Amino acid sequence: MAAKFNHQDRSTYPNGRNKKQAIVPIISPSLMVADQTKLLQESLDVLSENGGSADWIHVDIVDGHFAPNFSFCPATVADLRKHLPNTFLDCHLVVTDPIRWVDTFARAGASTFVFHYEAAEHPVAVCRKVREAGMVTGIALCPETPAEVLFPLIDAGEVDMVLVMCVRIGFAGQTFKPETVKKMRVLRQRYPYLIIQADGSITLETIDFVAGAGANAIVPGRAVFKTNDRKNSMQKLRGSIQKHIAMRAASHL
């Protein structure tokens, strides 16, 4: 069963300051891989019970500068929000100088604002501005960036979720980098309450690697949008996450 997240109900928002926060599976299919002429229809389909009951919708905003590609913009988020008033729109800002865009995406209706640690001159300032704007604060790490750089921010309660990139940023359909799961394991061991999201080549073949390392949130692309049975695919992805959450819980009894 999908977790209950509601954009209009702040009590359902992930909170990195709540060390008793329950860790649940979160599936956030990436619209970068959806039919680009039918973004609303594609979103409605994967959110539906027959389509797999996605928890969030992942929107990648790529500026062509921080990563050599372009994808979506504030207007995309605003238009989706008009038709999806309650849906968690999970916005991943693959952009230079992310603090410039916080207010814009808050007005557009973003639920999460996930920015790259590598792109922010003052990450603490970005985190605080995101929280003040009423969005979930997320920080993303490129494959080469160690998890340890985030310890001071997470320890200070500035971060609600961490996104670990498992591929080179900015493009869909790349090869999974298995060395990135080490970061998830390090983060999960230190922060059992934190939302840890894996993004990049998340498939039925790689899900056990990331879920086993501690990721409870995932950003599947082709594994959802390019399959003939989206519901079955998401059930299998969710089942793997649930299995590993249960195994970790049992190991601490």
C-alpha atoms as a PDB file:
ATOM      1  CA  MET A   1       0.000   0.000   0.000  1.00  0.00           C
ATOM      2  CA  ALA A   2       1.226   3.476  -0.870  1.00  0.00           C
ATOM      3  CA  ALA A   3       2.078   5.843   1.957  1.00  0.00           C
ATOM      4  CA  LYS A   4      -0.189   8.831   2.481  1.00  0.00           C
ATOM      5  CA  PHE A   5       1.482  12.067   1.457  1.00  0.00           C
ATOM      6  CA  ASN A   6      -0.636  15.151   0.818  1.00  0.00           C
ATOM      7  CA  HIS A   7       0.776  18.403  -0.526  1.00  0.00           C
ATOM      8  CA  GLN A   8      -1.878  20.366   1.350  1.00  0.00           C
ATOM      9  CA  ASP A   9      -1.336  18.626   4.697  1.00  0.00           C
ATOM     10  CA  ARG A  10       1.980  19.569   6.300  1.00  0.00           C
ATOM     11  CA  SER A  11       1.600  16.819   8.900  1.00  0.00           C
ATOM     12  CA  THR A  12       2.317  14.284   6.127  1.00  0.00           C
ATOM     13  CA  TYR A  13       5.599  15.932   5.073  1.00  0.00           C
ATOM     14  CA  PRO A  14       8.915  14.170   5.770  1.00  0.00           C
ATOM     15  CA  ASN A  15      10.746  15.909   8.614  1.00  0.00           C
ATOM     16  CA  GLY A  16      14.470  15.459   9.140  1.00  0.00           C
ATOM     17  CA  ARG A  17      14.190  16.844  12.665  1.00  0.00           C
ATOM     18  CA  ASN A  18      11.888  14.014  13.737  1.00  0.00           C
ATOM     19  CA  LYS A  19      14.197  11.199  14.802  1.00  0.00           C
ATOM     20  CA  LYS A  20      11.180   8.959  15.444  1.00  0.00           C
ATOM     21  CA  GLN A  21       9.944   9.352  11.885  1.00  0.00           C
ATOM     22  CA  ALA A  22       8.673   6.096  10.405  1.00  0.00           C
ATOM     23  CA  ILE A  23      10.562   4.978   7.317  1.00  0.00           C
ATOM     24  CA  VAL A  24       8.192   3.857   4.555  1.00  0.00           C
ATOM     25  CA  PRO A  25       8.610   3.000   0.867  1.00  0.00           C
ATOM     26  CA  ILE A  26       8.301   6.017  -1.428  1.00  0.00           C
ATOM     27  CA  ILE A  27       8.073   5.551  -5.183  1.00  0.00           C
ATOM     28  CA  SER A  28       8.534   8.745  -7.194  1.00  0.00           C
ATOM     29  CA  PRO A  29       8.444   7.966 -10.947  1.00  0.00           C
ATOM     30  CA  SER A  30      10.485  10.348 -13.084  1.00  0.00           C
ATOM     31  CA  LEU A  31       8.576  12.337 -15.692  1.00  0.00           C
ATOM     32  CA  MET A  32      11.813  12.691 -17.640  1.00  0.00           C
ATOM     33  CA  VAL A  33      11.092   9.215 -19.017  1.00  0.00           C
ATOM     34  CA  ALA A  34       7.327   9.663 -19.481  1.00  0.00           C
ATOM     35  CA  ASP A  35       5.616  10.546 -22.760  1.00  0.00           C
ATOM     36  CA  GLN A  36       6.530  14.234 -22.969  1.00  0.00           C
ATOM     37  CA  THR A  37       3.312  15.071 -24.829  1.00  0.00           C
ATOM     38  CA  LYS A  38       1.141  13.615 -22.053  1.00  0.00           C
ATOM     39  CA  LEU A  39       2.739  14.568 -18.742  1.00  0.00           C
ATOM     40  CA  LEU A  40      -0.541  15.028 -16.867  1.00  0.00           C
ATOM     41  CA  GLN A  41      -2.059  11.819 -18.225  1.00  0.00           C
ATOM     42  CA  GLU A  42       1.127   9.904 -17.438  1.00  0.00           C
ATOM     43  CA  SER A  43       1.119  11.292 -13.897  1.00  0.00           C
ATOM     44  CA  LEU A  44      -2.525  10.424 -13.330  1.00  0.00           C
ATOM     45  CA  ASP A  45      -1.934   6.915 -14.616  1.00  0.00           C
ATOM     46  CA  VAL A  46       0.962   6.039 -12.300  1.00  0.00           C
ATOM     47  CA  LEU A  47      -0.822   7.660  -9.348  1.00  0.00           C
ATOM     48  CA  SER A  48      -3.911   5.514  -9.922  1.00  0.00           C
ATOM     49  CA  GLU A  49      -4.397   2.133  -8.281  1.00  0.00           C
ATOM     50  CA  ASN A  50      -4.363   0.376 -11.648  1.00  0.00           C
ATOM     51  CA  GLY A  51      -1.199   2.225 -12.601  1.00  0.00           C
ATOM     52  CA  GLY A  52       0.715   1.304  -9.457  1.00  0.00           C
ATOM     53  CA  SER A  53      -0.220   3.920  -6.819  1.00  0.00           C
ATOM     54  CA  ALA A  54       2.927   6.038  -6.989  1.00  0.00           C
ATOM     55  CA  ASP A  55       3.587   8.048  -3.828  1.00  0.00           C
ATOM     56  CA  TRP A  56       5.165  11.102  -5.453  1.00  0.00           C
ATOM     57  CA  ILE A  57       5.815  12.433  -8.961  1.00  0.00           C
ATOM     58  CA  HIS A  58       9.457  13.283  -9.691  1.00  0.00           C
ATOM     59  CA  VAL A  59      10.139  16.385 -11.777  1.00  0.00           C
ATOM     60  CA  ASP A  60      13.733  16.995 -12.885  1.00  0.00           C
ATOM     61  CA  ILE A  61      14.624  20.611 -13.598  1.00  0.00           C
ATOM     62  CA  VAL A  62      17.910  20.686 -15.533  1.00  0.00           C
ATOM     63  CA  ASP A  63      19.316  24.077 -16.556  1.00  0.00           C
ATOM     64  CA  GLY A  64      21.860  23.113 -19.221  1.00  0.00           C
ATOM     65  CA  HIS A  65      24.625  24.616 -17.085  1.00  0.00           C
ATOM     66  CA  PHE A  66      25.091  22.478 -13.985  1.00  0.00           C
ATOM     67  CA  ALA A  67      24.379  19.467 -16.200  1.00  0.00           C
ATOM     68  CA  PRO A  68      24.626  19.422 -20.017  1.00  0.00           C
ATOM     69  CA  ASN A  69      20.936  18.833 -20.692  1.00  0.00           C
ATOM     70  CA  PHE A  70      17.595  20.615 -20.362  1.00  0.00           C
ATOM     71  CA  SER A  71      14.436  19.375 -18.662  1.00  0.00           C
ATOM     72  CA  PHE A  72      11.260  21.062 -17.409  1.00  0.00           C
ATOM     73  CA  CYS A  73      10.793  24.418 -15.714  1.00  0.00           C
ATOM     74  CA  PRO A  74       8.655  26.153 -13.040  1.00  0.00           C
ATOM     75  CA  ALA A  75       5.704  26.340 -15.456  1.00  0.00           C
ATOM     76  CA  THR A  76       5.691  22.532 -15.706  1.00  0.00           C
ATOM     77  CA  VAL A  77       5.299  22.276 -11.939  1.00  0.00           C
ATOM     78  CA  ALA A  78       2.658  25.010 -11.821  1.00  0.00           C
ATOM     79  CA  ASP A  79       0.566  23.373 -14.547  1.00  0.00           C
ATOM     80  CA  LEU A  80       0.774  19.959 -12.888  1.00  0.00           C
ATOM     81  CA  ARG A  81      -0.198  21.509  -9.560  1.00  0.00           C
ATOM     82  CA  LYS A  82      -3.400  22.964 -11.051  1.00  0.00           C
ATOM     83  CA  HIS A  83      -4.607  19.454 -11.853  1.00  0.00           C
ATOM     84  CA  LEU A  84      -2.936  17.559  -8.995  1.00  0.00           C
ATOM     85  CA  PRO A  85      -3.710  19.671  -5.910  1.00  0.00           C
ATOM     86  CA  ASN A  86      -2.841  16.988  -3.357  1.00  0.00           C
ATOM     87  CA  THR A  87      -0.021  15.142  -5.115  1.00  0.00           C
ATOM     88  CA  PHE A  88       3.537  15.402  -3.822  1.00  0.00           C
ATOM     89  CA  LEU A  89       5.544  16.983  -6.639  1.00  0.00           C
ATOM     90  CA  ASP A  90       9.124  15.940  -5.968  1.00  0.00           C
ATOM     91  CA  CYS A  91      11.293  18.605  -7.619  1.00  0.00           C
ATOM     92  CA  HIS A  92      14.951  17.813  -8.260  1.00  0.00           C
ATOM     93  CA  LEU A  93      16.845  20.999  -9.120  1.00  0.00           C
ATOM     94  CA  VAL A  94      19.822  20.084 -11.291  1.00  0.00           C
ATOM     95  CA  VAL A  95      20.781  23.744 -11.533  1.00  0.00           C
ATOM     96  CA  THR A  96      23.527  26.205 -10.725  1.00  0.00           C
ATOM     97  CA  ASP A  97      22.912  28.579  -7.797  1.00  0.00           C
ATOM     98  CA  PRO A  98      19.758  26.829  -6.512  1.00  0.00           C
ATOM     99  CA  ILE A  99      18.948  29.465  -3.887  1.00  0.00           C
ATOM    100  CA  ARG A 100      17.748  31.737  -6.716  1.00  0.00           C
ATOM    101  CA  TRP A 101      14.923  29.326  -7.487  1.00  0.00           C
ATOM    102  CA  VAL A 102      13.498  28.545  -4.051  1.00  0.00           C
ATOM    103  CA  ASP A 103      10.729  31.142  -4.056  1.00  0.00           C
ATOM    104  CA  THR A 104       9.860  30.448  -7.692  1.00  0.00           C
ATOM    105  CA  PHE A 105       9.271  26.757  -7.082  1.00  0.00           C
ATOM    106  CA  ALA A 106       7.421  27.389  -3.844  1.00  0.00           C
ATOM    107  CA  ARG A 107       4.987  29.597  -5.777  1.00  0.00           C
ATOM    108  CA  ALA A 108       4.728  26.987  -8.527  1.00  0.00           C
ATOM    109  CA  GLY A 109       3.603  24.380  -6.007  1.00  0.00           C
ATOM    110  CA  ALA A 110       6.638  22.169  -5.446  1.00  0.00           C
ATOM    111  CA  SER A 111       6.362  19.829  -2.460  1.00  0.00           C
ATOM    112  CA  THR A 112      10.055  19.012  -2.266  1.00  0.00           C
ATOM    113  CA  PHE A 113      13.008  21.154  -3.304  1.00  0.00           C
ATOM    114  CA  VAL A 114      16.007  18.880  -3.795  1.00  0.00           C
ATOM    115  CA  PHE A 115      19.162  20.782  -4.737  1.00  0.00           C
ATOM    116  CA  HIS A 116      22.703  19.629  -5.391  1.00  0.00           C
ATOM    117  CA  TYR A 117      25.259  20.067  -2.657  1.00  0.00           C
ATOM    118  CA  GLU A 118      27.864  20.633  -5.357  1.00  0.00           C
ATOM    119  CA  ALA A 119      25.880  23.540  -6.856  1.00  0.00           C
ATOM    120  CA  ALA A 120      25.291  25.527  -3.667  1.00  0.00           C
ATOM    121  CA  GLU A 121      27.812  28.038  -2.375  1.00  0.00           C
ATOM    122  CA  HIS A 122      26.078  28.098   1.015  1.00  0.00           C
ATOM    123  CA  PRO A 123      24.053  24.872   1.469  1.00  0.00           C
ATOM    124  CA  VAL A 124      22.812  25.848   4.945  1.00  0.00           C
ATOM    125  CA  ALA A 125      21.295  29.043   3.579  1.00  0.00           C
ATOM    126  CA  VAL A 126      19.512  27.108   0.838  1.00  0.00           C
ATOM    127  CA  CYS A 127      18.154  24.559   3.321  1.00  0.00           C
ATOM    128  CA  ARG A 128      16.800  27.259   5.588  1.00  0.00           C
ATOM    129  CA  LYS A 129      15.200  29.189   2.751  1.00  0.00           C
ATOM    130  CA  VAL A 130      13.515  26.015   1.453  1.00  0.00           C
ATOM    131  CA  ARG A 131      12.098  25.219   4.883  1.00  0.00           C
ATOM    132  CA  GLU A 132      10.904  28.809   5.353  1.00  0.00           C
ATOM    133  CA  ALA A 133       9.158  28.559   1.971  1.00  0.00           C
ATOM    134  CA  GLY A 134       7.215  25.524   3.217  1.00  0.00           C
ATOM    135  CA  MET A 135       8.815  22.804   1.120  1.00  0.00           C
ATOM    136  CA  VAL A 136      10.564  19.567   2.067  1.00  0.00           C
ATOM    137  CA  THR A 137      14.319  20.208   2.109  1.00  0.00           C
ATOM    138  CA  GLY A 138      16.363  17.748   0.093  1.00  0.00           C
ATOM    139  CA  ILE A 139      20.028  17.616  -0.867  1.00  0.00           C
ATOM    140  CA  ALA A 140      21.345  15.566  -3.782  1.00  0.00           C
ATOM    141  CA  LEU A 141      24.823  14.096  -4.129  1.00  0.00           C
ATOM    142  CA  CYS A 142      26.571  13.394  -7.424  1.00  0.00           C
ATOM    143  CA  PRO A 143      28.173   9.923  -7.685  1.00  0.00           C
ATOM    144  CA  GLU A 144      31.652  11.206  -6.803  1.00  0.00           C
ATOM    145  CA  THR A 145      30.610  13.214  -3.718  1.00  0.00           C
ATOM    146  CA  PRO A 146      31.015  11.394  -0.368  1.00  0.00           C
ATOM    147  CA  ALA A 147      28.106  11.140   2.041  1.00  0.00           C
ATOM    148  CA  GLU A 148      30.200  12.525   4.878  1.00  0.00           C
ATOM    149  CA  VAL A 149      29.962  16.095   3.540  1.00  0.00           C
ATOM    150  CA  LEU A 150      26.319  16.136   4.644  1.00  0.00           C
ATOM    151  CA  PHE A 151      26.831  14.991   8.235  1.00  0.00           C
ATOM    152  CA  PRO A 152      26.990  18.521   9.723  1.00  0.00           C
ATOM    153  CA  LEU A 153      23.821  19.580   7.887  1.00  0.00           C
ATOM    154  CA  ILE A 154      21.854  16.481   8.821  1.00  0.00           C
ATOM    155  CA  ASP A 155      23.092  16.544  12.418  1.00  0.00           C
ATOM    156  CA  ALA A 156      21.876  20.151  12.663  1.00  0.00           C
ATOM    157  CA  GLY A 157      18.401  19.162  11.451  1.00  0.00           C
ATOM    158  CA  GLU A 158      18.658  21.180   8.244  1.00  0.00           C
ATOM    159  CA  VAL A 159      17.877  18.299   5.860  1.00  0.00           C
ATOM    160  CA  ASP A 160      14.666  16.289   5.447  1.00  0.00           C
ATOM    161  CA  MET A 161      15.908  13.915   2.754  1.00  0.00           C
ATOM    162  CA  VAL A 162      19.030  12.999   0.813  1.00  0.00           C
ATOM    163  CA  LEU A 163      19.007  12.004  -2.851  1.00  0.00           C
ATOM    164  CA  VAL A 164      21.900   9.808  -3.959  1.00  0.00           C
ATOM    165  CA  MET A 165      22.580   9.871  -7.685  1.00  0.00           C
ATOM    166  CA  CYS A 166      23.431   6.423  -9.030  1.00  0.00           C
ATOM    167  CA  VAL A 167      24.310   7.726 -12.506  1.00  0.00           C
ATOM    168  CA  ARG A 168      25.853  10.824 -14.059  1.00  0.00           C
ATOM    169  CA  ILE A 169      23.485  13.750 -13.576  1.00  0.00           C
ATOM    170  CA  GLY A 170      21.157  15.164 -16.202  1.00  0.00           C
ATOM    171  CA  PHE A 171      20.339  12.206 -18.448  1.00  0.00           C
ATOM    172  CA  ALA A 172      17.976   9.233 -18.317  1.00  0.00           C
ATOM    173  CA  GLY A 173      18.850   5.677 -19.322  1.00  0.00           C
ATOM    174  CA  GLN A 174      22.434   5.504 -18.063  1.00  0.00           C
ATOM    175  CA  THR A 175      24.374   2.635 -16.507  1.00  0.00           C
ATOM    176  CA  PHE A 176      23.935   2.100 -12.771  1.00  0.00           C
ATOM    177  CA  LYS A 177      27.052   2.852 -10.691  1.00  0.00           C
ATOM    178  CA  PRO A 178      27.167   0.161  -7.964  1.00  0.00           C
ATOM    179  CA  GLU A 179      29.755   2.061  -5.912  1.00  0.00           C
ATOM    180  CA  THR A 180      27.107   4.666  -5.036  1.00  0.00           C
ATOM    181  CA  VAL A 181      25.238   2.275  -2.744  1.00  0.00           C
ATOM    182  CA  LYS A 182      28.012   2.648  -0.168  1.00  0.00           C
ATOM    183  CA  LYS A 183      26.774   6.187   0.512  1.00  0.00           C
ATOM    184  CA  MET A 184      23.263   4.923   1.180  1.00  0.00           C
ATOM    185  CA  ARG A 185      24.607   2.369   3.629  1.00  0.00           C
ATOM    186  CA  VAL A 186      26.679   4.999   5.451  1.00  0.00           C
ATOM    187  CA  LEU A 187      23.709   7.365   5.661  1.00  0.00           C
ATOM    188  CA  ARG A 188      21.241   4.697   6.803  1.00  0.00           C
ATOM    189  CA  GLN A 189      23.530   3.409   9.548  1.00  0.00           C
ATOM    190  CA  ARG A 190      24.007   6.903  10.932  1.00  0.00           C
ATOM    191  CA  TYR A 191      20.461   8.207  10.322  1.00  0.00           C
ATOM    192  CA  PRO A 192      17.837   5.459  10.688  1.00  0.00           C
ATOM    193  CA  TYR A 193      15.014   8.033  10.500  1.00  0.00           C
ATOM    194  CA  LEU A 194      16.131   9.874   7.335  1.00  0.00           C
ATOM    195  CA  ILE A 195      14.462   9.713   3.918  1.00  0.00           C
ATOM    196  CA  ILE A 196      17.150   8.355   1.577  1.00  0.00           C
ATOM    197  CA  GLN A 197      16.271   8.494  -2.112  1.00  0.00           C
ATOM    198  CA  ALA A 198      18.057   6.605  -4.895  1.00  0.00           C
ATOM    199  CA  ASP A 199      17.905   8.122  -8.378  1.00  0.00           C
ATOM    200  CA  GLY A 200      19.294   6.812 -11.644  1.00  0.00           C
ATOM    201  CA  SER A 201      18.794   3.456 -13.379  1.00  0.00           C
ATOM    202  CA  ILE A 202      16.492   2.154 -10.636  1.00  0.00           C
ATOM    203  CA  THR A 203      15.103  -1.053 -12.123  1.00  0.00           C
ATOM    204  CA  LEU A 204      13.922  -4.486 -11.047  1.00  0.00           C
ATOM    205  CA  GLU A 205      17.560  -5.560 -11.450  1.00  0.00           C
ATOM    206  CA  THR A 206      19.044  -2.838  -9.229  1.00  0.00           C
ATOM    207  CA  ILE A 207      16.314  -2.289  -6.627  1.00  0.00           C
ATOM    208  CA  ASP A 208      17.680  -4.842  -4.161  1.00  0.00           C
ATOM    209  CA  PHE A 209      21.088  -3.127  -4.197  1.00  0.00           C
ATOM    210  CA  VAL A 210      19.719   0.285  -3.239  1.00  0.00           C
ATOM    211  CA  ALA A 211      16.978  -0.959  -0.915  1.00  0.00           C
ATOM    212  CA  GLY A 212      19.412  -3.297   0.798  1.00  0.00           C
ATOM    213  CA  ALA A 213      21.822  -0.409   1.330  1.00  0.00           C
ATOM    214  CA  GLY A 214      19.157   1.712   2.983  1.00  0.00           C
ATOM    215  CA  ALA A 215      17.238   3.646   0.342  1.00  0.00           C
ATOM    216  CA  ASN A 216      13.541   3.812   1.198  1.00  0.00           C
ATOM    217  CA  ALA A 217      12.656   6.250  -1.599  1.00  0.00           C
ATOM    218  CA  ILE A 218      13.366   5.590  -5.268  1.00  0.00           C
ATOM    219  CA  VAL A 219      13.072   7.407  -8.585  1.00  0.00           C
ATOM    220  CA  PRO A 220      12.322   4.782 -11.238  1.00  0.00           C
ATOM    221  CA  GLY A 221      12.080   5.824 -14.869  1.00  0.00           C
ATOM    222  CA  ARG A 222      11.949   3.177 -17.551  1.00  0.00           C
ATOM    223  CA  ALA A 223      11.050   0.537 -14.958  1.00  0.00           C
ATOM    224  CA  VAL A 224       7.665   2.261 -14.669  1.00  0.00           C
ATOM    225  CA  PHE A 225       6.988   4.347 -17.751  1.00  0.00           C
ATOM    226  CA  LYS A 226       8.443   1.949 -20.334  1.00  0.00           C
ATOM    227  CA  THR A 227       6.852  -1.260 -19.067  1.00  0.00           C
ATOM    228  CA  ASN A 228       3.600  -2.833 -20.211  1.00  0.00           C
ATOM    229  CA  ASP A 229       2.524  -3.501 -16.616  1.00  0.00           C
ATOM    230  CA  ARG A 230       3.239  -0.471 -14.485  1.00  0.00           C
ATOM    231  CA  LYS A 231       1.289  -1.758 -11.516  1.00  0.00           C
ATOM    232  CA  ASN A 232       3.216  -5.019 -11.370  1.00  0.00           C
ATOM    233  CA  SER A 233       6.539  -3.231 -11.726  1.00  0.00           C
ATOM    234  CA  MET A 234       5.776  -0.808  -8.898  1.00  0.00           C
ATOM    235  CA  GLN A 235       4.493  -3.616  -6.694  1.00  0.00           C
ATOM    236  CA  LYS A 236       7.817  -5.415  -7.106  1.00  0.00           C
ATOM    237  CA  LEU A 237       9.822  -2.251  -6.447  1.00  0.00           C
ATOM    238  CA  ARG A 238       7.757  -1.459  -3.359  1.00  0.00           C
ATOM    239  CA  GLY A 239       7.987  -5.044  -2.171  1.00  0.00           C
ATOM    240  CA  SER A 240      11.780  -4.969  -2.240  1.00  0.00           C
ATOM    241  CA  ILE A 241      11.894  -1.761  -0.201  1.00  0.00           C
ATOM    242  CA  GLN A 242       9.384  -3.120   2.308  1.00  0.00           C
ATOM    243  CA  LYS A 243      11.388  -6.333   2.638  1.00  0.00           C
ATOM    244  CA  HIS A 244      14.604  -4.516   3.465  1.00  0.00           C
ATOM    245  CA  ILE A 245      12.908  -2.086   5.857  1.00  0.00           C
ATOM    246  CA  ALA A 246      11.487  -5.092   7.721  1.00  0.00           C
ATOM    247  CA  MET A 247      14.879  -6.825   7.769  1.00  0.00           C
ATOM    248  CA  ARG A 248      16.574  -3.779   9.278  1.00  0.00           C
ATOM    249  CA  ALA A 249      13.817  -3.414  11.858  1.00  0.00           C
ATOM    250  CA  ALA A 250      14.145  -7.082  12.828  1.00  0.00           C
ATOM    251  CA  SER A 251      17.915  -6.771  13.206  1.00  0.00           C
ATOM    252  CA  HIS A 252      17.410  -4.079  15.863  1.00  0.00           C
ATOM    253  CA  LEU A 253      14.944  -6.061  17.983  1.00  0.00           C
END
